[in-house]
Every structure is written in structure tokens, then in C-alpha cells.
């Protein structure tokens, strides 16, 4: 179970970093979303990967820490809102300039 979750975190991180280093706007947005998902899974896994255990301290012998679950829930809501804002800003920039390059340097400015 731990190997599967660690592999998923690694794959999401690698794909997110690859897309975040592109020079186009929308792959960067998708890359940041993948990195956010990787961090959320990492936070969720930090609470312990126990199957069938209650997330509260009770009479049970094993339990799952509820704090990472609350952190992940909050992070999901915040990342969804920020992704929507960034998509709208990127769409406005694309419609205004008819180009979705991340860097704003002209060829003359890039040569010093």
C-alpha cells in the first residue's frame, strides 16, 4: 500500500514538474495542479495509511490522525479556487495577446 501511494506521489510530482517548466500557460497551470494533488496525497498519507480505522480517538485499538484529513480538505478547496482564478487570468492574457507564452521577453530584449 505504501509503495503504491509513494509511486503515485512520485509520478504526479514528476509530471507536474515537467509541465510546470513548459513555456506555455495552460501546461503550467496543469502542472501546478498535479503538484498540488501530489502534495495533498503526501499530506493525507502522513496521517497513516490504515485501512478501516476510525479517524477519531475512540475505544478502537488503531485510529487515523484526523489533522491531515482536515488539512487536505482545506487545501483542496483553496487549490480549486486558485486554479479557477489562474485559468481566468491566463485566458484573459491569451485573448488579449493571442499568445500563451509564459515569458514576456521580446527577441530584442532577450539579447543583451
C-alpha atoms as a PDB file:
ATOM      1  CA  UNK A   1       0.000   0.000   0.000  1.00  0.00           C
ATOM      2  CA  UNK A   2       2.787   2.410   0.927  1.00  0.00           C
ATOM      3  CA  UNK A   3       4.696   1.598  -2.262  1.00  0.00           C
ATOM      4  CA  UNK A   4       1.627   2.331  -4.387  1.00  0.00           C
ATOM      5  CA  UNK A   5       0.985   5.680  -2.695  1.00  0.00           C
ATOM      6  CA  UNK A   6       4.665   6.657  -2.834  1.00  0.00           C
ATOM      7  CA  UNK A   7       4.787   5.746  -6.532  1.00  0.00           C
ATOM      8  CA  UNK A   8       1.669   7.818  -7.225  1.00  0.00           C
ATOM      9  CA  UNK A   9       3.177  10.799  -5.400  1.00  0.00           C
ATOM     10  CA  UNK A  10       6.414  10.436  -7.381  1.00  0.00           C
ATOM     11  CA  UNK A  11       4.656  10.160 -10.737  1.00  0.00           C
ATOM     12  CA  UNK A  12       2.405  13.145 -10.020  1.00  0.00           C
ATOM     13  CA  UNK A  13       5.406  15.202  -8.889  1.00  0.00           C
ATOM     14  CA  UNK A  14       7.472  14.294 -11.948  1.00  0.00           C
ATOM     15  CA  UNK A  15       4.637  15.036 -14.368  1.00  0.00           C
ATOM     16  CA  UNK A  16       3.807  18.261 -12.544  1.00  0.00           C
ATOM     17  CA  UNK A  17       7.403  19.482 -12.647  1.00  0.00           C
ATOM     18  CA  UNK A  18       7.704  18.597 -16.325  1.00  0.00           C
ATOM     19  CA  UNK A  19       4.565  20.540 -17.202  1.00  0.00           C
ATOM     20  CA  UNK A  20       5.404  23.454 -14.893  1.00  0.00           C
ATOM     21  CA  UNK A  21       8.696  24.020 -16.743  1.00  0.00           C
ATOM     22  CA  UNK A  22       6.999  24.408 -20.112  1.00  0.00           C
ATOM     23  CA  UNK A  23       6.815  27.817 -21.776  1.00  0.00           C
ATOM     24  CA  UNK A  24       3.072  27.775 -22.347  1.00  0.00           C
ATOM     25  CA  UNK A  25       0.436  28.959 -19.909  1.00  0.00           C
ATOM     26  CA  UNK A  26      -2.000  26.062 -19.779  1.00  0.00           C
ATOM     27  CA  UNK A  27       0.578  23.263 -19.314  1.00  0.00           C
ATOM     28  CA  UNK A  28       1.999  25.312 -16.429  1.00  0.00           C
ATOM     29  CA  UNK A  29      -1.471  25.506 -14.862  1.00  0.00           C
ATOM     30  CA  UNK A  30      -1.998  21.757 -15.247  1.00  0.00           C
ATOM     31  CA  UNK A  31       1.499  21.108 -13.853  1.00  0.00           C
ATOM     32  CA  UNK A  32       0.762  23.205 -10.787  1.00  0.00           C
ATOM     33  CA  UNK A  33      -2.485  21.305 -10.313  1.00  0.00           C
ATOM     34  CA  UNK A  34      -0.638  17.987 -10.472  1.00  0.00           C
ATOM     35  CA  UNK A  35       1.892  19.240  -7.931  1.00  0.00           C
ATOM     36  CA  UNK A  36      -0.986  20.284  -5.687  1.00  0.00           C
ATOM     37  CA  UNK A  37      -2.509  16.808  -5.955  1.00  0.00           C
ATOM     38  CA  UNK A  38       0.863  15.240  -5.100  1.00  0.00           C
ATOM     39  CA  UNK A  39       1.201  17.410  -2.001  1.00  0.00           C
ATOM     40  CA  UNK A  40      -2.382  16.607  -0.965  1.00  0.00           C
ATOM     41  CA  UNK A  41      -1.749  12.871  -1.233  1.00  0.00           C
ATOM     42  CA  UNK A  42       1.506  13.294   0.699  1.00  0.00           C
ATOM     43  CA  UNK A  43      -0.296  15.184   3.476  1.00  0.00           C
ATOM     44  CA  UNK A  44      -3.048  12.580   3.550  1.00  0.00           C
ATOM     45  CA  UNK A  45      -0.525   9.736   3.736  1.00  0.00           C
ATOM     46  CA  UNK A  46       1.352  11.456   6.556  1.00  0.00           C
ATOM     47  CA  UNK A  47      -1.585  10.677   8.843  1.00  0.00           C
ATOM     48  CA  UNK A  48      -1.013   6.971   8.426  1.00  0.00           C
ATOM     49  CA  UNK A  49      -2.324   4.536   5.871  1.00  0.00           C
ATOM     50  CA  UNK A  50      -4.536   2.320   7.994  1.00  0.00           C
ATOM     51  CA  UNK A  51      -7.470   0.621   6.331  1.00  0.00           C
ATOM     52  CA  UNK A  52     -10.784   0.553   8.169  1.00  0.00           C
ATOM     53  CA  UNK A  53      -9.611   2.570  11.189  1.00  0.00           C
ATOM     54  CA  UNK A  54     -11.813   5.376  12.527  1.00  0.00           C
ATOM     55  CA  UNK A  55     -10.465   8.933  12.118  1.00  0.00           C
ATOM     56  CA  UNK A  56     -11.167   9.765  15.762  1.00  0.00           C
ATOM     57  CA  UNK A  57      -9.757   8.523  19.027  1.00  0.00           C
ATOM     58  CA  UNK A  58     -12.237   6.050  20.459  1.00  0.00           C
ATOM     59  CA  UNK A  59     -12.202   2.620  22.037  1.00  0.00           C
ATOM     60  CA  UNK A  60     -10.580   1.196  18.913  1.00  0.00           C
ATOM     61  CA  UNK A  61      -7.030  -0.102  19.151  1.00  0.00           C
ATOM     62  CA  UNK A  62      -5.941   1.751  15.987  1.00  0.00           C
ATOM     63  CA  UNK A  63      -7.079   5.094  14.696  1.00  0.00           C
ATOM     64  CA  UNK A  64      -6.190   7.511  11.941  1.00  0.00           C
ATOM     65  CA  UNK A  65      -4.955  11.017  12.662  1.00  0.00           C
ATOM     66  CA  UNK A  66      -7.746  13.442  11.586  1.00  0.00           C
ATOM     67  CA  UNK A  67      -5.482  16.502  11.239  1.00  0.00           C
ATOM     68  CA  UNK A  68      -4.011  15.586   7.810  1.00  0.00           C
ATOM     69  CA  UNK A  69      -7.527  14.870   6.563  1.00  0.00           C
ATOM     70  CA  UNK A  70      -8.665  18.340   7.603  1.00  0.00           C
ATOM     71  CA  UNK A  71      -5.554  19.900   6.042  1.00  0.00           C
ATOM     72  CA  UNK A  72      -6.146  18.091   2.750  1.00  0.00           C
ATOM     73  CA  UNK A  73      -9.798  19.119   2.663  1.00  0.00           C
ATOM     74  CA  UNK A  74      -8.827  22.753   3.182  1.00  0.00           C
ATOM     75  CA  UNK A  75      -6.041  22.503   0.595  1.00  0.00           C
ATOM     76  CA  UNK A  76      -8.413  21.026  -1.996  1.00  0.00           C
ATOM     77  CA  UNK A  77     -10.852  23.909  -1.608  1.00  0.00           C
ATOM     78  CA  UNK A  78      -8.115  26.540  -1.767  1.00  0.00           C
ATOM     79  CA  UNK A  79      -6.371  24.938  -4.758  1.00  0.00           C
ATOM     80  CA  UNK A  80      -9.653  24.664  -6.674  1.00  0.00           C
ATOM     81  CA  UNK A  81     -10.354  28.350  -6.138  1.00  0.00           C
ATOM     82  CA  UNK A  82      -6.816  29.404  -7.048  1.00  0.00           C
ATOM     83  CA  UNK A  83      -6.826  27.219 -10.165  1.00  0.00           C
ATOM     84  CA  UNK A  84     -10.056  28.871 -11.302  1.00  0.00           C
ATOM     85  CA  UNK A  85      -8.556  32.331 -10.762  1.00  0.00           C
ATOM     86  CA  UNK A  86      -5.338  31.463 -12.617  1.00  0.00           C
ATOM     87  CA  UNK A  87      -7.275  29.934 -15.531  1.00  0.00           C
ATOM     88  CA  UNK A  88      -9.347  33.111 -15.893  1.00  0.00           C
ATOM     89  CA  UNK A  89      -6.219  35.298 -15.759  1.00  0.00           C
ATOM     90  CA  UNK A  90      -4.452  33.081 -18.327  1.00  0.00           C
ATOM     91  CA  UNK A  91      -7.496  33.076 -20.589  1.00  0.00           C
ATOM     92  CA  UNK A  92      -7.663  36.869 -20.422  1.00  0.00           C
ATOM     93  CA  UNK A  93      -3.959  37.146 -21.242  1.00  0.00           C
ATOM     94  CA  UNK A  94      -4.347  34.742 -24.149  1.00  0.00           C
ATOM     95  CA  UNK A  95      -7.336  36.575 -25.577  1.00  0.00           C
ATOM     96  CA  UNK A  96      -5.581  39.926 -25.159  1.00  0.00           C
ATOM     97  CA  UNK A  97      -2.272  38.979 -26.775  1.00  0.00           C
ATOM     98  CA  UNK A  98      -3.205  35.941 -28.915  1.00  0.00           C
ATOM     99  CA  UNK A  99      -0.250  34.139 -27.381  1.00  0.00           C
ATOM    100  CA  UNK A 100       0.107  31.909 -24.344  1.00  0.00           C
ATOM    101  CA  UNK A 101       3.854  32.104 -23.718  1.00  0.00           C
ATOM    102  CA  UNK A 102       4.854  32.367 -20.069  1.00  0.00           C
ATOM    103  CA  UNK A 103       7.853  34.596 -20.668  1.00  0.00           C
ATOM    104  CA  UNK A 104       7.187  38.140 -21.873  1.00  0.00           C
ATOM    105  CA  UNK A 105      10.585  38.939 -23.365  1.00  0.00           C
ATOM    106  CA  UNK A 106      10.782  40.058 -26.963  1.00  0.00           C
ATOM    107  CA  UNK A 107      13.654  38.784 -29.067  1.00  0.00           C
ATOM    108  CA  UNK A 108      15.386  42.180 -28.893  1.00  0.00           C
ATOM    109  CA  UNK A 109      15.073  42.392 -25.099  1.00  0.00           C
ATOM    110  CA  UNK A 110      16.263  38.821 -24.612  1.00  0.00           C
ATOM    111  CA  UNK A 111      19.609  39.551 -26.257  1.00  0.00           C
ATOM    112  CA  UNK A 112      21.787  41.673 -24.022  1.00  0.00           C
END
